Every structure is written in structure tokens, then in C-alpha cells.
Amino acid sequence: QLQLVESGGGLVQSGGSLRVSCIVSGFTLDSYAIGWFRQAPGRVREEILCISSSDSPMYYVDSVKGRFTITRNSAKNTVYLQMNSLRPEDTAVYSCAAGPDCHTYEYWGRGIQVTVSS
């Protein structure tokens, strides 16, 4: 059974850091691209980062460049989203997805709340 589960969300103060994890099971992590998405209240979901199956990171939102990093640990079947210098506007539900490339996603996690207080 293919599954993606996010963990590590929570409440953090503005300027702080948080690392959220996407733990996968039921498939070989190295064969898939993993994307991170977020959806803030009242806004549409946006893709913020992706790491390809060849470990190339791709950024889709300018505001996270230099602050967010995506990495893969295949031994732990986990992809991490490291978020630094967090801002209140980063508050959202963050979810991960897997697919054959960074434009096609087939499997989704349920998401996890990240709240940044001012």
C-alpha cells in the first residue's frame, strides 16, 4: 500500500525554524519525485518545492528561496523540508506528493499544519 505521511509540523515563532518530514512506504523512494505543497487559509494550494528522482531540487515560489531546503534520505524513506527564517505568511497546511516527475503527482499525503506566530 503506497502511503505518504507528513510529520513535524506545529507552532513556531516568526524567524524560527521547523523541519517537516514526508515518510513514504509501499514504494521505492529513489524512483519518485517528491513535491511539497502548501495551502494557506482562503488560498489555493501551491507547489513550493520538488526534488526529482535524480535529487535535483526545484523551487517554484520565490519567497522560499534561500529559506527552505528539500532533501532526501533514501535509507529512511523520508524527504525533508527544512524551513528557516519562517514568516507568518508561511502559515499553511503543508503536504507532500509523489510522482514520476516534478510535474506529475500520483500519491498524496494528508498534510500537516504549520503555524508561524508574529
PDB file of N, CA and C in Angstrom:
ATOM      1  N   GLN A   1       0.851  -1.181   0.000  1.00  0.00           N
ATOM      2  CA  GLN A   1       0.000   0.000   0.000  1.00  0.00           C
ATOM      3  C   GLN A   1       0.895   1.242   0.000  1.00  0.00           C
ATOM      4  N   LEU A   2       0.731   2.082  -1.012  1.00  0.00           N
ATOM      5  CA  LEU A   2       1.531   3.289  -1.114  1.00  0.00           C
ATOM      6  C   LEU A   2       0.989   4.339  -0.154  1.00  0.00           C
ATOM      7  N   GLN A   3       1.883   4.921   0.591  1.00  0.00           N
ATOM      8  CA  GLN A   3       1.448   5.871   1.603  1.00  0.00           C
ATOM      9  C   GLN A   3       2.504   6.948   1.825  1.00  0.00           C
ATOM     10  N   LEU A   4       2.046   8.170   2.035  1.00  0.00           N
ATOM     11  CA  LEU A   4       2.909   9.277   2.406  1.00  0.00           C
ATOM     12  C   LEU A   4       2.323   9.903   3.669  1.00  0.00           C
ATOM     13  N   VAL A   5       3.166  10.104   4.658  1.00  0.00           N
ATOM     14  CA  VAL A   5       2.716  10.668   5.923  1.00  0.00           C
ATOM     15  C   VAL A   5       3.645  11.810   6.310  1.00  0.00           C
ATOM     16  N   GLU A   6       3.048  12.962   6.548  1.00  0.00           N
ATOM     17  CA  GLU A   6       3.826  14.116   6.977  1.00  0.00           C
ATOM     18  C   GLU A   6       3.919  14.152   8.499  1.00  0.00           C
ATOM     19  N   SER A   7       5.050  14.651   8.980  1.00  0.00           N
ATOM     20  CA  SER A   7       5.208  14.831  10.425  1.00  0.00           C
ATOM     21  C   SER A   7       6.118  16.028  10.674  1.00  0.00           C
ATOM     22  N   GLY A   8       6.077  16.519  11.928  1.00  0.00           N
ATOM     23  CA  GLY A   8       6.979  17.587  12.336  1.00  0.00           C
ATOM     24  C   GLY A   8       6.413  18.984  12.272  1.00  0.00           C
ATOM     25  N   GLY A   9       5.152  19.120  11.947  1.00  0.00           N
ATOM     26  CA  GLY A   9       4.556  20.445  11.925  1.00  0.00           C
ATOM     27  C   GLY A   9       4.323  20.976  13.326  1.00  0.00           C
ATOM     28  N   GLY A  10       3.759  22.157  13.399  1.00  0.00           N
ATOM     29  CA  GLY A  10       3.456  22.724  14.703  1.00  0.00           C
ATOM     30  C   GLY A  10       3.487  24.233  14.678  1.00  0.00           C
ATOM     31  N   LEU A  11       3.673  24.794  15.863  1.00  0.00           N
ATOM     32  CA  LEU A  11       3.676  26.245  16.052  1.00  0.00           C
ATOM     33  C   LEU A  11       5.098  26.729  16.286  1.00  0.00           C
ATOM     34  N   VAL A  12       5.481  27.777  15.589  1.00  0.00           N
ATOM     35  CA  VAL A  12       6.823  28.340  15.734  1.00  0.00           C
ATOM     36  C   VAL A  12       6.718  29.862  15.638  1.00  0.00           C
ATOM     37  N   GLN A  13       7.619  30.527  16.295  1.00  0.00           N
ATOM     38  CA  GLN A  13       7.620  31.988  16.244  1.00  0.00           C
ATOM     39  C   GLN A  13       8.262  32.488  14.951  1.00  0.00           C
ATOM     40  N   SER A  14       7.870  33.672  14.558  1.00  0.00           N
ATOM     41  CA  SER A  14       8.457  34.293  13.382  1.00  0.00           C
ATOM     42  C   SER A  14       9.976  34.366  13.518  1.00  0.00           C
ATOM     43  N   GLY A  15      10.669  33.986  12.447  1.00  0.00           N
ATOM     44  CA  GLY A  15      12.120  33.939  12.475  1.00  0.00           C
ATOM     45  C   GLY A  15      12.680  32.587  12.874  1.00  0.00           C
ATOM     46  N   GLY A  16      11.834  31.722  13.343  1.00  0.00           N
ATOM     47  CA  GLY A  16      12.271  30.408  13.781  1.00  0.00           C
ATOM     48  C   GLY A  16      12.389  29.411  12.641  1.00  0.00           C
ATOM     49  N   SER A  17      12.724  28.178  13.015  1.00  0.00           N
ATOM     50  CA  SER A  17      12.921  27.105  12.039  1.00  0.00           C
ATOM     51  C   SER A  17      12.061  25.899  12.393  1.00  0.00           C
ATOM     52  N   LEU A  18      11.782  25.129  11.370  1.00  0.00           N
ATOM     53  CA  LEU A  18      11.000  23.912  11.550  1.00  0.00           C
ATOM     54  C   LEU A  18      11.372  22.960  10.424  1.00  0.00           C
ATOM     55  N   ARG A  19      11.419  21.675  10.755  1.00  0.00           N
ATOM     56  CA  ARG A  19      11.647  20.675   9.716  1.00  0.00           C
ATOM     57  C   ARG A  19      10.458  19.725   9.681  1.00  0.00           C
ATOM     58  N   VAL A  20       9.855  19.635   8.539  1.00  0.00           N
ATOM     59  CA  VAL A  20       8.764  18.681   8.359  1.00  0.00           C
ATOM     60  C   VAL A  20       9.259  17.539   7.490  1.00  0.00           C
ATOM     61  N   SER A  21       8.725  16.362   7.786  1.00  0.00           N
ATOM     62  CA  SER A  21       9.158  15.147   7.107  1.00  0.00           C
ATOM     63  C   SER A  21       8.013  14.541   6.315  1.00  0.00           C
ATOM     64  N   CYS A  22       8.377  13.916   5.233  1.00  0.00           N
ATOM     65  CA  CYS A  22       7.430  13.136   4.426  1.00  0.00           C
ATOM     66  C   CYS A  22       7.958  11.712   4.420  1.00  0.00           C
ATOM     67  N   ILE A  23       7.288  10.842   5.166  1.00  0.00           N
ATOM     68  CA  ILE A  23       7.710   9.451   5.297  1.00  0.00           C
ATOM     69  C   ILE A  23       6.891   8.612   4.328  1.00  0.00           C
ATOM     70  N   VAL A  24       7.591   7.894   3.469  1.00  0.00           N
ATOM     71  CA  VAL A  24       6.887   7.130   2.447  1.00  0.00           C
ATOM     72  C   VAL A  24       7.003   5.639   2.721  1.00  0.00           C
ATOM     73  N   SER A  25       6.025   4.901   2.260  1.00  0.00           N
ATOM     74  CA  SER A  25       6.043   3.452   2.377  1.00  0.00           C
ATOM     75  C   SER A  25       5.298   2.861   1.193  1.00  0.00           C
ATOM     76  N   GLY A  26       5.668   1.627   0.884  1.00  0.00           N
ATOM     77  CA  GLY A  26       4.986   0.934  -0.197  1.00  0.00           C
ATOM     78  C   GLY A  26       5.581   1.171  -1.568  1.00  0.00           C
ATOM     79  N   PHE A  27       6.622   1.993  -1.649  1.00  0.00           N
ATOM     80  CA  PHE A  27       7.286   2.172  -2.934  1.00  0.00           C
ATOM     81  C   PHE A  27       8.720   2.627  -2.697  1.00  0.00           C
ATOM     82  N   THR A  28       9.520   2.519  -3.756  1.00  0.00           N
ATOM     83  CA  THR A  28      10.932   2.877  -3.663  1.00  0.00           C
ATOM     84  C   THR A  28      11.080   4.376  -3.841  1.00  0.00           C
ATOM     85  N   LEU A  29      11.523   5.034  -2.802  1.00  0.00           N
ATOM     86  CA  LEU A  29      11.596   6.482  -2.797  1.00  0.00           C
ATOM     87  C   LEU A  29      12.468   7.015  -3.931  1.00  0.00           C
ATOM     88  N   ASP A  30      13.566   6.344  -4.213  1.00  0.00           N
ATOM     89  CA  ASP A  30      14.510   6.827  -5.225  1.00  0.00           C
ATOM     90  C   ASP A  30      13.896   6.906  -6.620  1.00  0.00           C
ATOM     91  N   SER A  31      12.828   6.201  -6.853  1.00  0.00           N
ATOM     92  CA  SER A  31      12.231   6.179  -8.191  1.00  0.00           C
ATOM     93  C   SER A  31      11.235   7.297  -8.422  1.00  0.00           C
ATOM     94  N   TYR A  32      10.999   8.093  -7.399  1.00  0.00           N
ATOM     95  CA  TYR A  32       9.954   9.096  -7.490  1.00  0.00           C
ATOM     96  C   TYR A  32      10.476  10.501  -7.209  1.00  0.00           C
ATOM     97  N   ALA A  33       9.822  11.450  -7.853  1.00  0.00           N
ATOM     98  CA  ALA A  33       9.983  12.845  -7.472  1.00  0.00           C
ATOM     99  C   ALA A  33       9.033  13.115  -6.308  1.00  0.00           C
ATOM    100  N   ILE A  34       9.463  13.930  -5.375  1.00  0.00           N
ATOM    101  CA  ILE A  34       8.639  14.300  -4.230  1.00  0.00           C
ATOM    102  C   ILE A  34       8.481  15.815  -4.202  1.00  0.00           C
ATOM    103  N   GLY A  35       7.269  16.238  -4.160  1.00  0.00           N
ATOM    104  CA  GLY A  35       6.982  17.662  -4.100  1.00  0.00           C
ATOM    105  C   GLY A  35       6.360  18.053  -2.778  1.00  0.00           C
ATOM    106  N   TRP A  36       6.630  19.277  -2.352  1.00  0.00           N
ATOM    107  CA  TRP A  36       5.985  19.842  -1.172  1.00  0.00           C
ATOM    108  C   TRP A  36       5.035  20.956  -1.632  1.00  0.00           C
ATOM    109  N   PHE A  37       3.849  20.909  -1.068  1.00  0.00           N
ATOM    110  CA  PHE A  37       2.816  21.873  -1.379  1.00  0.00           C
ATOM    111  C   PHE A  37       2.364  22.542  -0.080  1.00  0.00           C
ATOM    112  N   ARG A  38       1.722  23.670  -0.217  1.00  0.00           N
ATOM    113  CA  ARG A  38       1.097  24.280   0.946  1.00  0.00           C
ATOM    114  C   ARG A  38      -0.193  24.984   0.543  1.00  0.00           C
ATOM    115  N   GLN A  39      -1.094  25.043   1.497  1.00  0.00           N
ATOM    116  CA  GLN A  39      -2.350  25.734   1.282  1.00  0.00           C
ATOM    117  C   GLN A  39      -2.662  26.569   2.509  1.00  0.00           C
ATOM    118  N   ALA A  40      -2.640  27.869   2.314  1.00  0.00           N
ATOM    119  CA  ALA A  40      -2.969  28.795   3.386  1.00  0.00           C
ATOM    120  C   ALA A  40      -4.477  29.009   3.422  1.00  0.00           C
ATOM    121  N   PRO A  41      -5.006  29.438   4.547  1.00  0.00           N
ATOM    122  CA  PRO A  41      -6.450  29.676   4.654  1.00  0.00           C
ATOM    123  C   PRO A  41      -6.944  30.643   3.584  1.00  0.00           C
ATOM    124  N   GLY A  42      -7.994  30.239   2.870  1.00  0.00           N
ATOM    125  CA  GLY A  42      -8.576  31.098   1.858  1.00  0.00           C
ATOM    126  C   GLY A  42      -7.789  31.206   0.565  1.00  0.00           C
ATOM    127  N   ARG A  43      -6.755  30.385   0.432  1.00  0.00           N
ATOM    128  CA  ARG A  43      -5.937  30.458  -0.778  1.00  0.00           C
ATOM    129  C   ARG A  43      -5.867  29.089  -1.441  1.00  0.00           C
ATOM    130  N   VAL A  44      -5.486  29.090  -2.709  1.00  0.00           N
ATOM    131  CA  VAL A  44      -5.345  27.828  -3.422  1.00  0.00           C
ATOM    132  C   VAL A  44      -4.030  27.176  -3.028  1.00  0.00           C
ATOM    133  N   ARG A  45      -3.984  25.881  -3.197  1.00  0.00           N
ATOM    134  CA  ARG A  45      -2.760  25.138  -2.901  1.00  0.00           C
ATOM    135  C   ARG A  45      -1.680  25.514  -3.910  1.00  0.00           C
ATOM    136  N   GLU A  46      -0.464  25.657  -3.428  1.00  0.00           N
ATOM    137  CA  GLU A  46       0.639  25.975  -4.316  1.00  0.00           C
ATOM    138  C   GLU A  46       1.787  24.999  -4.093  1.00  0.00           C
ATOM    139  N   GLU A  47       2.457  24.683  -5.167  1.00  0.00           N
ATOM    140  CA  GLU A  47       3.637  23.844  -5.071  1.00  0.00           C
ATOM    141  C   GLU A  47       4.813  24.748  -4.758  1.00  0.00           C
ATOM    142  N   ILE A  48       5.578  24.392  -3.750  1.00  0.00           N
ATOM    143  CA  ILE A  48       6.675  25.254  -3.347  1.00  0.00           C
ATOM    144  C   ILE A  48       8.042  24.687  -3.697  1.00  0.00           C
ATOM    145  N   LEU A  49       8.172  23.363  -3.615  1.00  0.00           N
ATOM    146  CA  LEU A  49       9.469  22.745  -3.856  1.00  0.00           C
ATOM    147  C   LEU A  49       9.254  21.352  -4.407  1.00  0.00           C
ATOM    148  N   CYS A  50      10.255  20.867  -5.112  1.00  0.00           N
ATOM    149  CA  CYS A  50      10.236  19.479  -5.548  1.00  0.00           C
ATOM    150  C   CYS A  50      11.668  18.973  -5.594  1.00  0.00           C
ATOM    151  N   ILE A  51      11.848  17.702  -5.326  1.00  0.00           N
ATOM    152  CA  ILE A  51      13.135  17.073  -5.538  1.00  0.00           C
ATOM    153  C   ILE A  51      12.913  15.931  -6.513  1.00  0.00           C
ATOM    154  N   SER A  52      13.656  15.959  -7.607  1.00  0.00           N
ATOM    155  CA  SER A  52      13.459  14.956  -8.640  1.00  0.00           C
ATOM    156  C   SER A  52      14.044  13.616  -8.211  1.00  0.00           C
ATOM    157  N   SER A  53      13.794  12.595  -9.000  1.00  0.00           N
ATOM    158  CA  SER A  53      14.346  11.271  -8.701  1.00  0.00           C
ATOM    159  C   SER A  53      15.868  11.272  -8.811  1.00  0.00           C
ATOM    160  N   SER A  54      16.419  12.247  -9.495  1.00  0.00           N
ATOM    161  CA  SER A  54      17.875  12.378  -9.581  1.00  0.00           C
ATOM    162  C   SER A  54      18.411  13.375  -8.555  1.00  0.00           C
ATOM    163  N   ASP A  55      17.569  13.722  -7.577  1.00  0.00           N
ATOM    164  CA  ASP A  55      17.958  14.585  -6.455  1.00  0.00           C
ATOM    165  C   ASP A  55      18.220  16.038  -6.842  1.00  0.00           C
ATOM    166  N   SER A  56      17.622  16.482  -7.913  1.00  0.00           N
ATOM    167  CA  SER A  56      17.728  17.900  -8.278  1.00  0.00           C
ATOM    168  C   SER A  56      16.575  18.666  -7.642  1.00  0.00           C
ATOM    169  N   PRO A  57      16.881  19.674  -6.817  1.00  0.00           N
ATOM    170  CA  PRO A  57      15.809  20.459  -6.208  1.00  0.00           C
ATOM    171  C   PRO A  57      15.261  21.511  -7.175  1.00  0.00           C
ATOM    172  N   MET A  58      13.984  21.742  -7.100  1.00  0.00           N
ATOM    173  CA  MET A  58      13.350  22.759  -7.927  1.00  0.00           C
ATOM    174  C   MET A  58      12.479  23.625  -7.043  1.00  0.00           C
ATOM    175  N   TYR A  59      12.608  24.930  -7.210  1.00  0.00           N
ATOM    176  CA  TYR A  59      11.864  25.877  -6.418  1.00  0.00           C
ATOM    177  C   TYR A  59      10.798  26.544  -7.279  1.00  0.00           C
ATOM    178  N   TYR A  60       9.607  26.654  -6.739  1.00  0.00           N
ATOM    179  CA  TYR A  60       8.505  27.213  -7.514  1.00  0.00           C
ATOM    180  C   TYR A  60       7.950  28.501  -6.911  1.00  0.00           C
ATOM    181  N   VAL A  61       8.387  28.815  -5.716  1.00  0.00           N
ATOM    182  CA  VAL A  61       7.918  30.027  -5.053  1.00  0.00           C
ATOM    183  C   VAL A  61       9.124  30.861  -4.652  1.00  0.00           C
ATOM    184  N   ASP A  62       9.209  32.072  -5.189  1.00  0.00           N
ATOM    185  CA  ASP A  62      10.385  32.910  -4.939  1.00  0.00           C
ATOM    186  C   ASP A  62      10.575  33.222  -3.461  1.00  0.00           C
ATOM    187  N   SER A  63       9.492  33.349  -2.735  1.00  0.00           N
ATOM    188  CA  SER A  63       9.602  33.782  -1.344  1.00  0.00           C
ATOM    189  C   SER A  63      10.271  32.757  -0.444  1.00  0.00           C
ATOM    190  N   VAL A  64      10.401  31.508  -0.891  1.00  0.00           N
ATOM    191  CA  VAL A  64      11.035  30.499  -0.042  1.00  0.00           C
ATOM    192  C   VAL A  64      12.488  30.257  -0.415  1.00  0.00           C
ATOM    193  N   LYS A  65      12.921  30.805  -1.532  1.00  0.00           N
ATOM    194  CA  LYS A  65      14.314  30.619  -1.946  1.00  0.00           C
ATOM    195  C   LYS A  65      15.251  31.233  -0.911  1.00  0.00           C
ATOM    196  N   GLY A  66      16.255  30.454  -0.549  1.00  0.00           N
ATOM    197  CA  GLY A  66      17.187  30.903   0.475  1.00  0.00           C
ATOM    198  C   GLY A  66      16.721  30.613   1.894  1.00  0.00           C
ATOM    199  N   ARG A  67      15.471  30.194   2.050  1.00  0.00           N
ATOM    200  CA  ARG A  67      14.939  29.891   3.376  1.00  0.00           C
ATOM    201  C   ARG A  67      14.545  28.420   3.521  1.00  0.00           C
ATOM    202  N   PHE A  68      13.991  27.831   2.476  1.00  0.00           N
ATOM    203  CA  PHE A  68      13.528  26.444   2.521  1.00  0.00           C
ATOM    204  C   PHE A  68      14.469  25.555   1.726  1.00  0.00           C
ATOM    205  N   THR A  69      14.666  24.332   2.231  1.00  0.00           N
ATOM    206  CA  THR A  69      15.520  23.363   1.558  1.00  0.00           C
ATOM    207  C   THR A  69      14.823  22.009   1.555  1.00  0.00           C
ATOM    208  N   ILE A  70      14.930  21.308   0.449  1.00  0.00           N
ATOM    209  CA  ILE A  70      14.360  19.967   0.351  1.00  0.00           C
ATOM    210  C   ILE A  70      15.496  18.973   0.191  1.00  0.00           C
ATOM    211  N   THR A  71      15.446  17.903   0.975  1.00  0.00           N
ATOM    212  CA  THR A  71      16.466  16.862   0.898  1.00  0.00           C
ATOM    213  C   THR A  71      15.802  15.488   0.994  1.00  0.00           C
ATOM    214  N   ARG A  72      16.521  14.495   0.531  1.00  0.00           N
ATOM    215  CA  ARG A  72      16.008  13.118   0.518  1.00  0.00           C
ATOM    216  C   ARG A  72      16.954  12.224   1.307  1.00  0.00           C
ATOM    217  N   ASN A  73      16.407  11.367   2.147  1.00  0.00           N
ATOM    218  CA  ASN A  73      17.166  10.316   2.820  1.00  0.00           C
ATOM    219  C   ASN A  73      16.529   8.997   2.435  1.00  0.00           C
ATOM    220  N   SER A  74      17.113   8.351   1.438  1.00  0.00           N
ATOM    221  CA  SER A  74      16.505   7.128   0.909  1.00  0.00           C
ATOM    222  C   SER A  74      16.548   5.992   1.925  1.00  0.00           C
ATOM    223  N   ALA A  75      17.588   5.967   2.741  1.00  0.00           N
ATOM    224  CA  ALA A  75      17.709   4.899   3.741  1.00  0.00           C
ATOM    225  C   ALA A  75      16.559   4.952   4.746  1.00  0.00           C
ATOM    226  N   LYS A  76      16.031   6.152   4.962  1.00  0.00           N
ATOM    227  CA  LYS A  76      14.924   6.314   5.915  1.00  0.00           C
ATOM    228  C   LYS A  76      13.585   6.503   5.198  1.00  0.00           C
ATOM    229  N   ASN A  77      13.614   6.382   3.882  1.00  0.00           N
ATOM    230  CA  ASN A  77      12.376   6.576   3.099  1.00  0.00           C
ATOM    231  C   ASN A  77      11.694   7.889   3.441  1.00  0.00           C
ATOM    232  N   THR A  78      12.491   8.913   3.566  1.00  0.00           N
ATOM    233  CA  THR A  78      11.973  10.194   4.034  1.00  0.00           C
ATOM    234  C   THR A  78      12.516  11.348   3.203  1.00  0.00           C
ATOM    235  N   VAL A  79      11.643  12.294   2.925  1.00  0.00           N
ATOM    236  CA  VAL A  79      12.045  13.559   2.320  1.00  0.00           C
ATOM    237  C   VAL A  79      11.762  14.656   3.332  1.00  0.00           C
ATOM    238  N   TYR A  80      12.726  15.543   3.493  1.00  0.00           N
ATOM    239  CA  TYR A  80      12.616  16.593   4.494  1.00  0.00           C
ATOM    240  C   TYR A  80      12.411  17.953   3.835  1.00  0.00           C
ATOM    241  N   LEU A  81      11.650  18.760   4.524  1.00  0.00           N
ATOM    242  CA  LEU A  81      11.521  20.166   4.149  1.00  0.00           C
ATOM    243  C   LEU A  81      12.011  20.972   5.339  1.00  0.00           C
ATOM    244  N   GLN A  82      13.197  21.549   5.184  1.00  0.00           N
ATOM    245  CA  GLN A  82      13.766  22.388   6.230  1.00  0.00           C
ATOM    246  C   GLN A  82      13.352  23.827   5.976  1.00  0.00           C
ATOM    247  N   MET A  83      12.704  24.428   6.938  1.00  0.00           N
ATOM    248  CA  MET A  83      12.200  25.785   6.784  1.00  0.00           C
ATOM    249  C   MET A  83      12.855  26.691   7.818  1.00  0.00           C
ATOM    250  N   ASN A  84      13.578  27.674   7.343  1.00  0.00           N
ATOM    251  CA  ASN A  84      14.262  28.636   8.204  1.00  0.00           C
ATOM    252  C   ASN A  84      13.689  30.031   7.996  1.00  0.00           C
ATOM    253  N   SER A  85      13.984  30.897   8.944  1.00  0.00           N
ATOM    254  CA  SER A  85      13.521  32.299   8.874  1.00  0.00           C
ATOM    255  C   SER A  85      12.033  32.359   8.538  1.00  0.00           C
ATOM    256  N   LEU A  86      11.263  31.582   9.266  1.00  0.00           N
ATOM    257  CA  LEU A  86       9.837  31.488   8.974  1.00  0.00           C
ATOM    258  C   LEU A  86       9.116  32.808   9.230  1.00  0.00           C
ATOM    259  N   ARG A  87       8.101  33.033   8.430  1.00  0.00           N
ATOM    260  CA  ARG A  87       7.300  34.264   8.486  1.00  0.00           C
ATOM    261  C   ARG A  87       5.837  33.892   8.729  1.00  0.00           C
ATOM    262  N   PRO A  88       5.055  34.793   9.267  1.00  0.00           N
ATOM    263  CA  PRO A  88       3.626  34.483   9.464  1.00  0.00           C
ATOM    264  C   PRO A  88       2.928  34.075   8.167  1.00  0.00           C
ATOM    265  N   GLU A  89       3.355  34.607   7.047  1.00  0.00           N
ATOM    266  CA  GLU A  89       2.730  34.245   5.767  1.00  0.00           C
ATOM    267  C   GLU A  89       3.084  32.838   5.298  1.00  0.00           C
ATOM    268  N   ASP A  90       3.982  32.164   6.006  1.00  0.00           N
ATOM    269  CA  ASP A  90       4.271  30.763   5.711  1.00  0.00           C
ATOM    270  C   ASP A  90       3.262  29.830   6.378  1.00  0.00           C
ATOM    271  N   THR A  91       2.398  30.373   7.193  1.00  0.00           N
ATOM    272  CA  THR A  91       1.377  29.563   7.852  1.00  0.00           C
ATOM    273  C   THR A  91       0.481  28.897   6.817  1.00  0.00           C
ATOM    274  N   ALA A  92       0.372  27.577   6.912  1.00  0.00           N
ATOM    275  CA  ALA A  92      -0.401  26.811   5.930  1.00  0.00           C
ATOM    276  C   ALA A  92      -0.423  25.347   6.340  1.00  0.00           C
ATOM    277  N   VAL A  93      -1.227  24.583   5.624  1.00  0.00           N
ATOM    278  CA  VAL A  93      -1.147  23.130   5.694  1.00  0.00           C
ATOM    279  C   VAL A  93      -0.144  22.691   4.630  1.00  0.00           C
ATOM    280  N   TYR A  94       0.869  21.974   5.067  1.00  0.00           N
ATOM    281  CA  TYR A  94       1.912  21.508   4.161  1.00  0.00           C
ATOM    282  C   TYR A  94       1.694  20.032   3.874  1.00  0.00           C
ATOM    283  N   SER A  95       1.777  19.682   2.604  1.00  0.00           N
ATOM    284  CA  SER A  95       1.587  18.294   2.220  1.00  0.00           C
ATOM    285  C   SER A  95       2.625  17.897   1.182  1.00  0.00           C
ATOM    286  N   CYS A  96       2.912  16.613   1.147  1.00  0.00           N
ATOM    287  CA  CYS A  96       3.864  16.096   0.173  1.00  0.00           C
ATOM    288  C   CYS A  96       3.146  15.184  -0.813  1.00  0.00           C
ATOM    289  N   ALA A  97       3.772  15.030  -1.960  1.00  0.00           N
ATOM    290  CA  ALA A  97       3.194  14.199  -3.016  1.00  0.00           C
ATOM    291  C   ALA A  97       4.317  13.522  -3.777  1.00  0.00           C
ATOM    292  N   ALA A  98       4.007  12.375  -4.361  1.00  0.00           N
ATOM    293  CA  ALA A  98       4.992  11.603  -5.110  1.00  0.00           C
ATOM    294  C   ALA A  98       4.497  11.348  -6.524  1.00  0.00           C
ATOM    295  N   GLY A  99       5.457  11.326  -7.439  1.00  0.00           N
ATOM    296  CA  GLY A  99       5.104  11.058  -8.821  1.00  0.00           C
ATOM    297  C   GLY A  99       6.334  10.777  -9.656  1.00  0.00           C
ATOM    298  N   PRO A 100       6.145  10.472 -10.920  1.00  0.00           N
ATOM    299  CA  PRO A 100       7.285  10.151 -11.788  1.00  0.00           C
ATOM    300  C   PRO A 100       8.195  11.346 -12.082  1.00  0.00           C
ATOM    301  N   ASP A 101       7.667  12.542 -11.995  1.00  0.00           N
ATOM    302  CA  ASP A 101       8.490  13.735 -12.173  1.00  0.00           C
ATOM    303  C   ASP A 101       7.858  14.894 -11.416  1.00  0.00           C
ATOM    304  N   CYS A 102       8.534  16.020 -11.456  1.00  0.00           N
ATOM    305  CA  CYS A 102       8.081  17.169 -10.652  1.00  0.00           C
ATOM    306  C   CYS A 102       6.879  17.893 -11.247  1.00  0.00           C
ATOM    307  N   HIS A 103       6.283  17.342 -12.267  1.00  0.00           N
ATOM    308  CA  HIS A 103       5.071  17.952 -12.823  1.00  0.00           C
ATOM    309  C   HIS A 103       3.874  17.008 -12.755  1.00  0.00           C
ATOM    310  N   THR A 104       4.128  15.793 -12.323  1.00  0.00           N
ATOM    311  CA  THR A 104       3.080  14.782 -12.318  1.00  0.00           C
ATOM    312  C   THR A 104       3.078  14.075 -10.976  1.00  0.00           C
ATOM    313  N   TYR A 105       2.002  14.235 -10.226  1.00  0.00           N
ATOM    314  CA  TYR A 105       1.923  13.620  -8.903  1.00  0.00           C
ATOM    315  C   TYR A 105       0.770  12.630  -8.852  1.00  0.00           C
ATOM    316  N   GLU A 106       1.046  11.488  -8.269  1.00  0.00           N
ATOM    317  CA  GLU A 106       0.063  10.410  -8.239  1.00  0.00           C
ATOM    318  C   GLU A 106      -0.398  10.072  -6.827  1.00  0.00           C
ATOM    319  N   TYR A 107       0.446  10.327  -5.849  1.00  0.00           N
ATOM    320  CA  TYR A 107       0.136   9.942  -4.476  1.00  0.00           C
ATOM    321  C   TYR A 107       0.344  11.152  -3.568  1.00  0.00           C
ATOM    322  N   TRP A 108      -0.559  11.264  -2.582  1.00  0.00           N
ATOM    323  CA  TRP A 108      -0.567  12.445  -1.730  1.00  0.00           C
ATOM    324  C   TRP A 108      -0.621  12.085  -0.260  1.00  0.00           C
ATOM    325  N   GLY A 109       0.044  12.891   0.543  1.00  0.00           N
ATOM    326  CA  GLY A 109      -0.126  12.798   1.979  1.00  0.00           C
ATOM    327  C   GLY A 109      -1.331  13.624   2.397  1.00  0.00           C
ATOM    328  N   ARG A 110      -1.702  13.505   3.672  1.00  0.00           N
ATOM    329  CA  ARG A 110      -2.893  14.204   4.156  1.00  0.00           C
ATOM    330  C   ARG A 110      -2.598  15.643   4.567  1.00  0.00           C
ATOM    331  N   GLY A 111      -1.347  15.929   4.796  1.00  0.00           N
ATOM    332  CA  GLY A 111      -0.979  17.295   5.155  1.00  0.00           C
ATOM    333  C   GLY A 111      -0.781  17.478   6.644  1.00  0.00           C
ATOM    334  N   ILE A 112      -0.050  18.543   6.973  1.00  0.00           N
ATOM    335  CA  ILE A 112       0.225  18.849   8.376  1.00  0.00           C
ATOM    336  C   ILE A 112       0.251  20.363   8.547  1.00  0.00           C
ATOM    337  N   GLN A 113      -0.252  20.804   9.678  1.00  0.00           N
ATOM    338  CA  GLN A 113      -0.358  22.240   9.918  1.00  0.00           C
ATOM    339  C   GLN A 113       0.970  22.820  10.396  1.00  0.00           C
ATOM    340  N   VAL A 114       1.347  23.927   9.787  1.00  0.00           N
ATOM    341  CA  VAL A 114       2.476  24.737  10.248  1.00  0.00           C
ATOM    342  C   VAL A 114       1.945  26.138  10.500  1.00  0.00           C
ATOM    343  N   THR A 115       2.135  26.605  11.721  1.00  0.00           N
ATOM    344  CA  THR A 115       1.658  27.932  12.091  1.00  0.00           C
ATOM    345  C   THR A 115       2.833  28.762  12.587  1.00  0.00           C
ATOM    346  N   VAL A 116       2.990  29.939  12.003  1.00  0.00           N
ATOM    347  CA  VAL A 116       4.070  30.853  12.384  1.00  0.00           C
ATOM    348  C   VAL A 116       3.437  32.069  13.042  1.00  0.00           C
ATOM    349  N   SER A 117       3.765  32.276  14.300  1.00  0.00           N
ATOM    350  CA  SER A 117       3.196  33.411  15.029  1.00  0.00           C
ATOM    351  C   SER A 117       4.085  34.640  14.885  1.00  0.00           C
ATOM    352  N   SER A 118       3.457  35.796  14.898  1.00  0.00           N
ATOM    353  CA  SER A 118       4.210  37.045  14.732  1.00  0.00           C
ATOM    354  C   SER A 118       4.697  37.578  16.067  1.00  0.00           C
TER     355      SER A 118
END
